Amino acid sequence: MSLTKIKFKASFRFQVYVMILCCIISGVVSKSIDSGVCQPYFASVKASEANLHVGPGKEYKILVKYVVKGVPVVVIAKYDNWRKIKDIDGTEGWIHKNLLSKERYVMIKNLQASMYKNPDTHSMCIANLKKNVIVKLIAVKNKWCNVALKYKGEVYTGWIPKNMLFGIFENEVTVA
């Protein structure tokens, strides 16, 4: 066998190895695009019972059991079908993506917040809401959030200052 044939076989084999390595790396890269840190976004707990785990899987210890629908959380990372979230208390953990909704809710973060008829503290006060009350987010206008509160079969809509709420980014100005 001539030296050129040996070089050709070696270089061809090397090219095949490089192609296989590239395929493996591209698979890892695409997997890392689907997993890991993501652009933070708000979601809400859509199940009436949902467990927050230490890691991305049911086999991990449960940190918190959410027992109310609509709890707003910020999604900060993802891994497969699991989302790493942070809640109003700053607790971080992993929840299955099927237990989350893109429907937006916000939660009163101060001891009390007033809901006004218009986005103005001089307008009529509709309700005084206590800490941790959850309301549906309708729209955002400047420093105000238009929200809906369901109470005893009635729905009340009004405006609450954005800084009184958890579940909205400071720079958000509109919600679809």
C-alpha atoms as a PDB file:
ATOM      1  CA  MET A   1       0.000   0.000   0.000  1.00  0.00           C
ATOM      2  CA  SER A   2       1.391   3.371  -0.932  1.00  0.00           C
ATOM      3  CA  LEU A   3       1.934   6.228   1.488  1.00  0.00           C
ATOM      4  CA  THR A   4      -0.630   8.438  -0.329  1.00  0.00           C
ATOM      5  CA  LYS A   5      -3.358   5.796   0.089  1.00  0.00           C
ATOM      6  CA  ILE A   6      -2.589   5.583   3.827  1.00  0.00           C
ATOM      7  CA  LYS A   7      -2.721   9.390   4.118  1.00  0.00           C
ATOM      8  CA  PHE A   8      -6.026   9.462   2.208  1.00  0.00           C
ATOM      9  CA  LYS A   9      -7.563   6.785   4.466  1.00  0.00           C
ATOM     10  CA  ALA A  10      -6.319   8.615   7.567  1.00  0.00           C
ATOM     11  CA  SER A  11      -7.559  11.993   6.376  1.00  0.00           C
ATOM     12  CA  PHE A  12     -10.925  10.524   5.331  1.00  0.00           C
ATOM     13  CA  ARG A  13     -11.260   8.827   8.724  1.00  0.00           C
ATOM     14  CA  PHE A  14     -10.308  12.129  10.397  1.00  0.00           C
ATOM     15  CA  GLN A  15     -12.990  13.964   8.382  1.00  0.00           C
ATOM     16  CA  VAL A  16     -15.600  11.408   9.429  1.00  0.00           C
ATOM     17  CA  TYR A  17     -14.597  11.841  13.091  1.00  0.00           C
ATOM     18  CA  VAL A  18     -14.798  15.613  12.749  1.00  0.00           C
ATOM     19  CA  MET A  19     -18.259  15.359  11.147  1.00  0.00           C
ATOM     20  CA  ILE A  20     -19.478  13.073  13.958  1.00  0.00           C
ATOM     21  CA  LEU A  21     -18.009  15.414  16.563  1.00  0.00           C
ATOM     22  CA  CYS A  22     -19.730  18.406  14.908  1.00  0.00           C
ATOM     23  CA  CYS A  23     -23.058  16.575  14.969  1.00  0.00           C
ATOM     24  CA  ILE A  24     -22.625  15.762  18.648  1.00  0.00           C
ATOM     25  CA  ILE A  25     -21.642  19.332  19.501  1.00  0.00           C
ATOM     26  CA  SER A  26     -24.549  20.807  17.521  1.00  0.00           C
ATOM     27  CA  GLY A  27     -26.910  18.494  19.430  1.00  0.00           C
ATOM     28  CA  VAL A  28     -25.441  19.679  22.729  1.00  0.00           C
ATOM     29  CA  VAL A  29     -25.684  23.313  21.627  1.00  0.00           C
ATOM     30  CA  SER A  30     -29.323  22.969  20.560  1.00  0.00           C
ATOM     31  CA  LYS A  31     -30.090  21.198  23.856  1.00  0.00           C
ATOM     32  CA  SER A  32     -28.449  24.032  25.789  1.00  0.00           C
ATOM     33  CA  ILE A  33     -30.580  26.505  23.867  1.00  0.00           C
ATOM     34  CA  ASP A  34     -33.673  24.637  25.119  1.00  0.00           C
ATOM     35  CA  SER A  35     -32.311  24.396  28.675  1.00  0.00           C
ATOM     36  CA  GLY A  36     -30.761  26.700  31.211  1.00  0.00           C
ATOM     37  CA  VAL A  37     -31.125  30.378  31.917  1.00  0.00           C
ATOM     38  CA  CYS A  38     -33.867  32.116  29.952  1.00  0.00           C
ATOM     39  CA  GLN A  39     -35.127  35.661  29.581  1.00  0.00           C
ATOM     40  CA  PRO A  40     -37.205  36.093  32.776  1.00  0.00           C
ATOM     41  CA  TYR A  41     -40.963  36.248  32.288  1.00  0.00           C
ATOM     42  CA  PHE A  42     -43.992  36.175  34.553  1.00  0.00           C
ATOM     43  CA  ALA A  43     -46.406  33.270  34.612  1.00  0.00           C
ATOM     44  CA  SER A  44     -48.983  32.014  37.079  1.00  0.00           C
ATOM     45  CA  VAL A  45     -49.672  28.721  38.787  1.00  0.00           C
ATOM     46  CA  LYS A  46     -52.634  27.227  36.915  1.00  0.00           C
ATOM     47  CA  ALA A  47     -53.297  24.209  39.151  1.00  0.00           C
ATOM     48  CA  SER A  48     -55.097  24.303  42.473  1.00  0.00           C
ATOM     49  CA  GLU A  49     -52.250  22.153  43.826  1.00  0.00           C
ATOM     50  CA  ALA A  50     -48.687  22.455  42.551  1.00  0.00           C
ATOM     51  CA  ASN A  51     -45.394  21.402  44.087  1.00  0.00           C
ATOM     52  CA  LEU A  52     -42.203  23.432  43.913  1.00  0.00           C
ATOM     53  CA  HIS A  53     -39.182  21.117  43.951  1.00  0.00           C
ATOM     54  CA  VAL A  54     -35.510  21.629  44.831  1.00  0.00           C
ATOM     55  CA  GLY A  55     -34.522  20.280  41.400  1.00  0.00           C
ATOM     56  CA  PRO A  56     -36.079  19.657  37.980  1.00  0.00           C
ATOM     57  CA  GLY A  57     -37.934  16.417  38.691  1.00  0.00           C
ATOM     58  CA  LYS A  58     -40.581  14.806  40.901  1.00  0.00           C
ATOM     59  CA  GLU A  59     -37.855  12.843  42.695  1.00  0.00           C
ATOM     60  CA  TYR A  60     -36.497  16.048  44.242  1.00  0.00           C
ATOM     61  CA  LYS A  61     -37.616  17.289  47.668  1.00  0.00           C
ATOM     62  CA  ILE A  62     -40.720  19.513  47.734  1.00  0.00           C
ATOM     63  CA  LEU A  63     -39.999  23.057  48.944  1.00  0.00           C
ATOM     64  CA  VAL A  64     -43.473  24.589  48.703  1.00  0.00           C
ATOM     65  CA  LYS A  65     -46.961  23.347  47.877  1.00  0.00           C
ATOM     66  CA  TYR A  66     -49.050  26.015  46.149  1.00  0.00           C
ATOM     67  CA  VAL A  67     -52.750  25.496  46.913  1.00  0.00           C
ATOM     68  CA  VAL A  68     -54.239  28.509  45.115  1.00  0.00           C
ATOM     69  CA  LYS A  69     -54.591  29.089  41.377  1.00  0.00           C
ATOM     70  CA  GLY A  70     -53.172  32.264  39.899  1.00  0.00           C
ATOM     71  CA  VAL A  71     -50.108  32.700  42.123  1.00  0.00           C
ATOM     72  CA  PRO A  72     -47.738  34.890  40.078  1.00  0.00           C
ATOM     73  CA  VAL A  73     -44.175  33.630  39.636  1.00  0.00           C
ATOM     74  CA  VAL A  74     -41.217  34.733  37.570  1.00  0.00           C
ATOM     75  CA  VAL A  75     -39.643  32.052  35.379  1.00  0.00           C
ATOM     76  CA  ILE A  76     -35.856  32.397  35.491  1.00  0.00           C
ATOM     77  CA  ALA A  77     -34.586  29.153  33.918  1.00  0.00           C
ATOM     78  CA  LYS A  78     -35.762  26.043  32.156  1.00  0.00           C
ATOM     79  CA  TYR A  79     -34.679  22.440  31.821  1.00  0.00           C
ATOM     80  CA  ASP A  80     -36.657  20.023  29.647  1.00  0.00           C
ATOM     81  CA  ASN A  81     -40.263  20.214  30.907  1.00  0.00           C
ATOM     82  CA  TRP A  82     -39.303  21.973  34.134  1.00  0.00           C
ATOM     83  CA  ARG A  83     -39.180  25.689  34.883  1.00  0.00           C
ATOM     84  CA  LYS A  84     -37.144  27.320  37.638  1.00  0.00           C
ATOM     85  CA  ILE A  85     -39.277  29.992  39.247  1.00  0.00           C
ATOM     86  CA  LYS A  86     -39.091  32.631  41.932  1.00  0.00           C
ATOM     87  CA  ASP A  87     -42.144  33.605  43.969  1.00  0.00           C
ATOM     88  CA  ILE A  88     -43.120  36.713  45.935  1.00  0.00           C
ATOM     89  CA  ASP A  89     -41.132  35.512  48.983  1.00  0.00           C
ATOM     90  CA  GLY A  90     -37.986  35.016  46.892  1.00  0.00           C
ATOM     91  CA  THR A  91     -38.240  31.227  47.121  1.00  0.00           C
ATOM     92  CA  GLU A  92     -36.683  29.577  44.076  1.00  0.00           C
ATOM     93  CA  GLY A  93     -37.384  26.082  42.852  1.00  0.00           C
ATOM     94  CA  TRP A  94     -38.519  23.903  39.967  1.00  0.00           C
ATOM     95  CA  ILE A  95     -42.083  23.317  38.782  1.00  0.00           C
ATOM     96  CA  HIS A  96     -43.382  21.291  35.845  1.00  0.00           C
ATOM     97  CA  LYS A  97     -44.280  23.534  32.885  1.00  0.00           C
ATOM     98  CA  ASN A  98     -47.799  22.012  32.680  1.00  0.00           C
ATOM     99  CA  LEU A  99     -48.574  23.553  36.073  1.00  0.00           C
ATOM    100  CA  LEU A 100     -47.894  27.075  34.783  1.00  0.00           C
ATOM    101  CA  SER A 101     -50.020  29.413  32.693  1.00  0.00           C
ATOM    102  CA  LYS A 102     -49.113  32.490  30.675  1.00  0.00           C
ATOM    103  CA  GLU A 103     -52.284  34.106  32.024  1.00  0.00           C
ATOM    104  CA  ARG A 104     -51.146  37.073  34.081  1.00  0.00           C
ATOM    105  CA  TYR A 105     -52.037  37.611  37.695  1.00  0.00           C
ATOM    106  CA  VAL A 106     -50.449  39.945  40.204  1.00  0.00           C
ATOM    107  CA  MET A 107     -50.297  39.849  43.991  1.00  0.00           C
ATOM    108  CA  ILE A 108     -50.450  42.632  46.560  1.00  0.00           C
ATOM    109  CA  LYS A 109     -46.953  42.829  48.051  1.00  0.00           C
ATOM    110  CA  ASN A 110     -47.534  45.563  50.648  1.00  0.00           C
ATOM    111  CA  LEU A 111     -49.610  45.245  53.822  1.00  0.00           C
ATOM    112  CA  GLN A 112     -52.447  46.952  51.977  1.00  0.00           C
ATOM    113  CA  ALA A 113     -53.121  48.490  48.575  1.00  0.00           C
ATOM    114  CA  SER A 114     -56.047  50.547  47.378  1.00  0.00           C
ATOM    115  CA  MET A 115     -57.814  49.812  44.094  1.00  0.00           C
ATOM    116  CA  TYR A 116     -59.029  52.998  42.408  1.00  0.00           C
ATOM    117  CA  LYS A 117     -61.694  53.590  39.764  1.00  0.00           C
ATOM    118  CA  ASN A 118     -59.153  55.429  37.576  1.00  0.00           C
ATOM    119  CA  PRO A 119     -55.335  55.465  37.481  1.00  0.00           C
ATOM    120  CA  ASP A 120     -55.220  58.356  39.941  1.00  0.00           C
ATOM    121  CA  THR A 121     -55.049  58.359  43.756  1.00  0.00           C
ATOM    122  CA  HIS A 122     -57.656  61.158  43.788  1.00  0.00           C
ATOM    123  CA  SER A 123     -60.288  58.990  42.095  1.00  0.00           C
ATOM    124  CA  MET A 124     -62.808  56.885  43.990  1.00  0.00           C
ATOM    125  CA  CYS A 125     -61.350  53.993  46.020  1.00  0.00           C
ATOM    126  CA  ILE A 126     -63.120  50.755  45.054  1.00  0.00           C
ATOM    127  CA  ALA A 127     -61.425  48.439  47.555  1.00  0.00           C
ATOM    128  CA  ASN A 128     -58.586  48.140  50.014  1.00  0.00           C
ATOM    129  CA  LEU A 129     -56.783  44.867  49.415  1.00  0.00           C
ATOM    130  CA  LYS A 130     -54.552  43.098  51.907  1.00  0.00           C
ATOM    131  CA  LYS A 131     -51.133  41.550  51.333  1.00  0.00           C
ATOM    132  CA  ASN A 132     -51.049  38.421  49.125  1.00  0.00           C
ATOM    133  CA  VAL A 133     -54.468  39.025  47.510  1.00  0.00           C
ATOM    134  CA  ILE A 134     -54.295  37.850  43.889  1.00  0.00           C
ATOM    135  CA  VAL A 135     -55.934  39.857  41.094  1.00  0.00           C
ATOM    136  CA  LYS A 136     -56.023  39.311  37.336  1.00  0.00           C
ATOM    137  CA  LEU A 137     -53.872  41.699  35.322  1.00  0.00           C
ATOM    138  CA  ILE A 138     -55.787  43.369  32.489  1.00  0.00           C
ATOM    139  CA  ALA A 139     -53.495  46.153  31.309  1.00  0.00           C
ATOM    140  CA  VAL A 140     -50.607  48.371  32.298  1.00  0.00           C
ATOM    141  CA  LYS A 141     -50.572  52.122  31.805  1.00  0.00           C
ATOM    142  CA  ASN A 142     -47.469  53.988  32.917  1.00  0.00           C
ATOM    143  CA  LYS A 143     -47.151  53.352  36.662  1.00  0.00           C
ATOM    144  CA  TRP A 144     -50.604  51.799  37.038  1.00  0.00           C
ATOM    145  CA  CYS A 145     -52.085  48.334  36.541  1.00  0.00           C
ATOM    146  CA  ASN A 146     -55.687  47.736  35.545  1.00  0.00           C
ATOM    147  CA  VAL A 147     -56.817  44.654  37.451  1.00  0.00           C
ATOM    148  CA  ALA A 148     -59.900  42.539  38.061  1.00  0.00           C
ATOM    149  CA  LEU A 149     -60.857  41.100  41.430  1.00  0.00           C
ATOM    150  CA  LYS A 150     -63.393  38.303  41.734  1.00  0.00           C
ATOM    151  CA  TYR A 151     -65.119  38.433  45.115  1.00  0.00           C
ATOM    152  CA  LYS A 152     -68.301  36.604  46.158  1.00  0.00           C
ATOM    153  CA  GLY A 153     -69.412  36.090  42.567  1.00  0.00           C
ATOM    154  CA  GLU A 154     -68.861  39.730  41.597  1.00  0.00           C
ATOM    155  CA  VAL A 155     -66.026  41.065  39.457  1.00  0.00           C
ATOM    156  CA  TYR A 156     -64.547  44.431  40.396  1.00  0.00           C
ATOM    157  CA  THR A 157     -62.137  46.223  38.083  1.00  0.00           C
ATOM    158  CA  GLY A 158     -59.899  49.096  38.980  1.00  0.00           C
ATOM    159  CA  TRP A 159     -56.380  50.467  39.065  1.00  0.00           C
ATOM    160  CA  ILE A 160     -53.544  49.758  41.492  1.00  0.00           C
ATOM    161  CA  PRO A 161     -50.122  51.439  41.480  1.00  0.00           C
ATOM    162  CA  LYS A 162     -47.571  49.108  39.866  1.00  0.00           C
ATOM    163  CA  ASN A 163     -45.129  49.414  42.791  1.00  0.00           C
ATOM    164  CA  MET A 164     -47.689  47.764  45.112  1.00  0.00           C
ATOM    165  CA  LEU A 165     -47.756  44.560  43.055  1.00  0.00           C
ATOM    166  CA  PHE A 166     -45.648  41.462  42.490  1.00  0.00           C
ATOM    167  CA  GLY A 167     -46.017  39.900  39.049  1.00  0.00           C
ATOM    168  CA  ILE A 168     -45.092  42.789  36.778  1.00  0.00           C
ATOM    169  CA  PHE A 169     -41.759  44.170  35.675  1.00  0.00           C
ATOM    170  CA  GLU A 170     -41.014  47.793  36.544  1.00  0.00           C
ATOM    171  CA  ASN A 171     -40.503  48.722  32.889  1.00  0.00           C
ATOM    172  CA  GLU A 172     -43.629  46.938  31.549  1.00  0.00           C
ATOM    173  CA  VAL A 173     -46.072  49.343  29.975  1.00  0.00           C
ATOM    174  CA  THR A 174     -48.692  47.183  28.313  1.00  0.00           C
ATOM    175  CA  VAL A 175     -50.107  43.687  28.587  1.00  0.00           C
ATOM    176  CA  ALA A 176     -51.904  41.968  25.733  1.00  0.00           C
END
